Amino acid sequence: MSAAMKKTRSVSESRQLLVQVRNALLTLHKALIDGERERYESTIGQIKSPNQFLHLLTHDPWFVWLQPFSQLIVTMDELLEEKEPLTVAGVETLVRQTRLLLVPGEQAEGFSGHYFVALQANPDVVLAHAAAKDLIVRKK
């Protein structure tokens, strides 16, 4: 999108875009978590309760790679709930961060490397990734 076109996006349109991106990321986040839970249980053992799973998600090194993704969603939620008016620039920054985060890397470490593995292993992740990428690329 050209600089002139970016300036024509209203705050309302930006809010709508942010909500759409957030919702797409929530779907992708769920697919990533579900897939990672399956990998964990097949490798380490069954997770016995939702509380244990929540504890693992927030404290276990197995799941630490998901934290940048989770934090991005939290940041979007905070921006949507702020008392301060939402800005077009703030939304564009989060969409740009999303675009940069959703880059799998076969030889990468951290999120990108794990994300690559998740995309290879789980069709639900592939579908959710495609939907999110379509939205953030189309809305540049």
C-alpha atoms as a PDB file:
ATOM      1  CA  MET A   1       0.000   0.000   0.000  1.00  0.00           C
ATOM      2  CA  SER A   2       1.392   3.396  -0.900  1.00  0.00           C
ATOM      3  CA  ALA A   3       2.067   6.063   1.701  1.00  0.00           C
ATOM      4  CA  ALA A   4      -0.886   8.070   0.420  1.00  0.00           C
ATOM      5  CA  MET A   5      -3.219   5.098   0.781  1.00  0.00           C
ATOM      6  CA  LYS A   6      -1.976   4.390   4.335  1.00  0.00           C
ATOM      7  CA  LYS A   7      -2.980   7.885   5.357  1.00  0.00           C
ATOM      8  CA  THR A   8      -6.533   7.280   4.163  1.00  0.00           C
ATOM      9  CA  ARG A   9      -7.114   4.348   6.537  1.00  0.00           C
ATOM     10  CA  SER A  10      -9.298   5.584   9.367  1.00  0.00           C
ATOM     11  CA  VAL A  11      -8.953   4.713  13.016  1.00  0.00           C
ATOM     12  CA  SER A  12     -12.147   2.684  12.697  1.00  0.00           C
ATOM     13  CA  GLU A  13     -10.712   0.693   9.784  1.00  0.00           C
ATOM     14  CA  SER A  14      -7.492   0.224  11.730  1.00  0.00           C
ATOM     15  CA  ARG A  15      -9.407  -1.085  14.736  1.00  0.00           C
ATOM     16  CA  GLN A  16     -11.287  -3.497  12.495  1.00  0.00           C
ATOM     17  CA  LEU A  17      -8.009  -4.689  10.969  1.00  0.00           C
ATOM     18  CA  LEU A  18      -6.455  -5.188  14.393  1.00  0.00           C
ATOM     19  CA  VAL A  19      -9.448  -7.232  15.564  1.00  0.00           C
ATOM     20  CA  GLN A  20      -9.259  -9.387  12.408  1.00  0.00           C
ATOM     21  CA  VAL A  21      -5.518  -9.958  12.790  1.00  0.00           C
ATOM     22  CA  ARG A  22      -5.920 -10.725  16.495  1.00  0.00           C
ATOM     23  CA  ASN A  23      -8.665 -13.260  15.781  1.00  0.00           C
ATOM     24  CA  ALA A  24      -6.558 -14.934  13.084  1.00  0.00           C
ATOM     25  CA  LEU A  25      -3.632 -15.079  15.500  1.00  0.00           C
ATOM     26  CA  LEU A  26      -5.820 -16.617  18.202  1.00  0.00           C
ATOM     27  CA  THR A  27      -6.771 -19.409  15.791  1.00  0.00           C
ATOM     28  CA  LEU A  28      -3.125 -19.940  14.890  1.00  0.00           C
ATOM     29  CA  HIS A  29      -2.091 -19.777  18.553  1.00  0.00           C
ATOM     30  CA  LYS A  30      -4.598 -22.493  19.452  1.00  0.00           C
ATOM     31  CA  ALA A  31      -3.344 -24.713  16.628  1.00  0.00           C
ATOM     32  CA  LEU A  32       0.258 -24.207  17.767  1.00  0.00           C
ATOM     33  CA  ILE A  33      -0.583 -24.947  21.395  1.00  0.00           C
ATOM     34  CA  ASP A  34      -2.646 -28.031  20.511  1.00  0.00           C
ATOM     35  CA  GLY A  35       0.138 -29.377  18.323  1.00  0.00           C
ATOM     36  CA  GLU A  36       2.805 -28.664  20.912  1.00  0.00           C
ATOM     37  CA  ARG A  37       0.726 -30.342  23.604  1.00  0.00           C
ATOM     38  CA  GLU A  38       0.502 -33.474  21.440  1.00  0.00           C
ATOM     39  CA  ARG A  39       4.283 -33.451  20.916  1.00  0.00           C
ATOM     40  CA  TYR A  40       4.889 -32.926  24.628  1.00  0.00           C
ATOM     41  CA  GLU A  41       2.555 -35.753  25.656  1.00  0.00           C
ATOM     42  CA  SER A  42       4.015 -38.188  23.138  1.00  0.00           C
ATOM     43  CA  THR A  43       7.551 -37.343  24.301  1.00  0.00           C
ATOM     44  CA  ILE A  44       7.251 -36.599  28.032  1.00  0.00           C
ATOM     45  CA  GLY A  45       3.912 -38.011  29.136  1.00  0.00           C
ATOM     46  CA  GLN A  46       0.281 -37.124  29.633  1.00  0.00           C
ATOM     47  CA  ILE A  47      -0.658 -33.734  31.019  1.00  0.00           C
ATOM     48  CA  LYS A  48      -3.058 -34.530  33.830  1.00  0.00           C
ATOM     49  CA  SER A  49      -5.090 -31.337  34.191  1.00  0.00           C
ATOM     50  CA  PRO A  50      -5.812 -27.948  32.660  1.00  0.00           C
ATOM     51  CA  ASN A  51      -3.986 -26.334  35.598  1.00  0.00           C
ATOM     52  CA  GLN A  52      -0.901 -28.437  34.963  1.00  0.00           C
ATOM     53  CA  PHE A  53      -1.054 -27.526  31.284  1.00  0.00           C
ATOM     54  CA  LEU A  54      -1.342 -23.812  32.072  1.00  0.00           C
ATOM     55  CA  HIS A  55       1.641 -24.097  34.386  1.00  0.00           C
ATOM     56  CA  LEU A  56       3.630 -25.870  31.661  1.00  0.00           C
ATOM     57  CA  LEU A  57       2.680 -23.233  29.081  1.00  0.00           C
ATOM     58  CA  THR A  58       3.893 -20.421  31.282  1.00  0.00           C
ATOM     59  CA  HIS A  59       6.916 -22.028  32.985  1.00  0.00           C
ATOM     60  CA  ASP A  60       8.243 -25.079  31.167  1.00  0.00           C
ATOM     61  CA  PRO A  61      11.161 -24.631  28.736  1.00  0.00           C
ATOM     62  CA  TRP A  62       9.342 -26.929  26.267  1.00  0.00           C
ATOM     63  CA  PHE A  63       6.796 -24.192  25.565  1.00  0.00           C
ATOM     64  CA  VAL A  64       8.985 -21.092  25.960  1.00  0.00           C
ATOM     65  CA  TRP A  65       9.258 -20.603  22.189  1.00  0.00           C
ATOM     66  CA  LEU A  66       5.533 -19.690  22.092  1.00  0.00           C
ATOM     67  CA  GLN A  67       6.010 -16.678  24.374  1.00  0.00           C
ATOM     68  CA  PRO A  68       6.740 -14.053  21.668  1.00  0.00           C
ATOM     69  CA  PHE A  69       3.568 -15.105  19.869  1.00  0.00           C
ATOM     70  CA  SER A  70       1.503 -15.059  23.060  1.00  0.00           C
ATOM     71  CA  GLN A  71       2.937 -11.655  23.989  1.00  0.00           C
ATOM     72  CA  LEU A  72       2.010 -10.212  20.605  1.00  0.00           C
ATOM     73  CA  ILE A  73      -1.626 -11.206  21.171  1.00  0.00           C
ATOM     74  CA  VAL A  74      -1.554  -9.728  24.688  1.00  0.00           C
ATOM     75  CA  THR A  75      -0.167  -6.469  23.269  1.00  0.00           C
ATOM     76  CA  MET A  76      -3.009  -6.365  20.738  1.00  0.00           C
ATOM     77  CA  ASP A  77      -5.556  -6.961  23.501  1.00  0.00           C
ATOM     78  CA  GLU A  78      -4.049  -4.179  25.580  1.00  0.00           C
ATOM     79  CA  LEU A  79      -4.115  -1.758  22.656  1.00  0.00           C
ATOM     80  CA  LEU A  80      -7.743  -2.583  21.923  1.00  0.00           C
ATOM     81  CA  GLU A  81      -8.708  -2.042  25.577  1.00  0.00           C
ATOM     82  CA  GLU A  82      -6.717   1.152  26.261  1.00  0.00           C
ATOM     83  CA  LYS A  83      -8.533   4.267  27.298  1.00  0.00           C
ATOM     84  CA  GLU A  84      -6.244   6.236  24.987  1.00  0.00           C
ATOM     85  CA  PRO A  85      -7.536   6.443  21.421  1.00  0.00           C
ATOM     86  CA  LEU A  86      -6.287   3.751  19.068  1.00  0.00           C
ATOM     87  CA  THR A  87      -3.975   5.132  16.388  1.00  0.00           C
ATOM     88  CA  VAL A  88      -3.406   4.021  12.821  1.00  0.00           C
ATOM     89  CA  ALA A  89       0.354   4.022  13.479  1.00  0.00           C
ATOM     90  CA  GLY A  90      -0.050   1.761  16.519  1.00  0.00           C
ATOM     91  CA  VAL A  91      -2.047  -0.766  14.518  1.00  0.00           C
ATOM     92  CA  GLU A  92       0.414  -0.647  11.619  1.00  0.00           C
ATOM     93  CA  THR A  93       3.265  -1.329  14.034  1.00  0.00           C
ATOM     94  CA  LEU A  94       1.535  -4.436  15.404  1.00  0.00           C
ATOM     95  CA  VAL A  95       0.665  -5.703  11.932  1.00  0.00           C
ATOM     96  CA  ARG A  96       4.299  -5.213  10.903  1.00  0.00           C
ATOM     97  CA  GLN A  97       5.470  -7.101  14.019  1.00  0.00           C
ATOM     98  CA  THR A  98       3.075  -9.905  13.145  1.00  0.00           C
ATOM     99  CA  ARG A  99       4.410 -10.054   9.603  1.00  0.00           C
ATOM    100  CA  LEU A 100       7.977 -10.299  10.927  1.00  0.00           C
ATOM    101  CA  LEU A 101       7.128 -12.941  13.534  1.00  0.00           C
ATOM    102  CA  LEU A 102       5.279 -15.294  11.177  1.00  0.00           C
ATOM    103  CA  VAL A 103       8.394 -16.196   9.215  1.00  0.00           C
ATOM    104  CA  PRO A 104       9.375 -19.836   9.687  1.00  0.00           C
ATOM    105  CA  GLY A 105      13.063 -20.668   9.502  1.00  0.00           C
ATOM    106  CA  GLU A 106      14.281 -24.168   8.811  1.00  0.00           C
ATOM    107  CA  GLN A 107      17.721 -23.455  10.269  1.00  0.00           C
ATOM    108  CA  ALA A 108      16.557 -20.804  12.740  1.00  0.00           C
ATOM    109  CA  GLU A 109      16.473 -20.979  16.510  1.00  0.00           C
ATOM    110  CA  GLY A 110      13.756 -19.711  18.810  1.00  0.00           C
ATOM    111  CA  PHE A 111      10.291 -19.031  17.520  1.00  0.00           C
ATOM    112  CA  SER A 112      11.110 -19.211  13.796  1.00  0.00           C
ATOM    113  CA  GLY A 113      12.709 -22.648  14.036  1.00  0.00           C
ATOM    114  CA  HIS A 114       9.941 -24.136  16.153  1.00  0.00           C
ATOM    115  CA  TYR A 115       7.369 -22.482  13.913  1.00  0.00           C
ATOM    116  CA  PHE A 116       8.938 -24.166  10.892  1.00  0.00           C
ATOM    117  CA  VAL A 117       8.662 -27.558  12.611  1.00  0.00           C
ATOM    118  CA  ALA A 118       5.030 -26.892  13.587  1.00  0.00           C
ATOM    119  CA  LEU A 119       4.164 -25.984  10.000  1.00  0.00           C
ATOM    120  CA  GLN A 120       5.724 -29.237   8.773  1.00  0.00           C
ATOM    121  CA  ALA A 121       3.906 -31.361  11.353  1.00  0.00           C
ATOM    122  CA  ASN A 122       0.416 -29.943  11.662  1.00  0.00           C
ATOM    123  CA  PRO A 123      -2.093 -29.184   8.876  1.00  0.00           C
ATOM    124  CA  ASP A 124      -4.163 -27.043  11.278  1.00  0.00           C
ATOM    125  CA  VAL A 125      -1.133 -24.800  11.785  1.00  0.00           C
ATOM    126  CA  VAL A 126      -0.638 -24.567   8.009  1.00  0.00           C
ATOM    127  CA  LEU A 127      -4.255 -23.513   7.446  1.00  0.00           C
ATOM    128  CA  ALA A 128      -4.234 -20.982  10.281  1.00  0.00           C
ATOM    129  CA  HIS A 129      -0.867 -19.635   9.118  1.00  0.00           C
ATOM    130  CA  ALA A 130      -2.197 -19.177   5.577  1.00  0.00           C
ATOM    131  CA  ALA A 131      -5.276 -17.325   6.833  1.00  0.00           C
ATOM    132  CA  ALA A 132      -3.219 -15.010   9.050  1.00  0.00           C
ATOM    133  CA  LYS A 133      -0.597 -14.330   6.375  1.00  0.00           C
ATOM    134  CA  ASP A 134      -3.279 -13.612   3.791  1.00  0.00           C
ATOM    135  CA  LEU A 135      -4.803 -11.052   6.098  1.00  0.00           C
ATOM    136  CA  ILE A 136      -1.587  -9.264   7.081  1.00  0.00           C
ATOM    137  CA  VAL A 137      -0.099  -9.273   3.581  1.00  0.00           C
ATOM    138  CA  ARG A 138      -3.322  -8.105   1.955  1.00  0.00           C
ATOM    139  CA  LYS A 139      -3.685  -5.286   4.494  1.00  0.00           C
ATOM    140  CA  LYS A 140      -0.199  -3.759   4.147  1.00  0.00           C
END
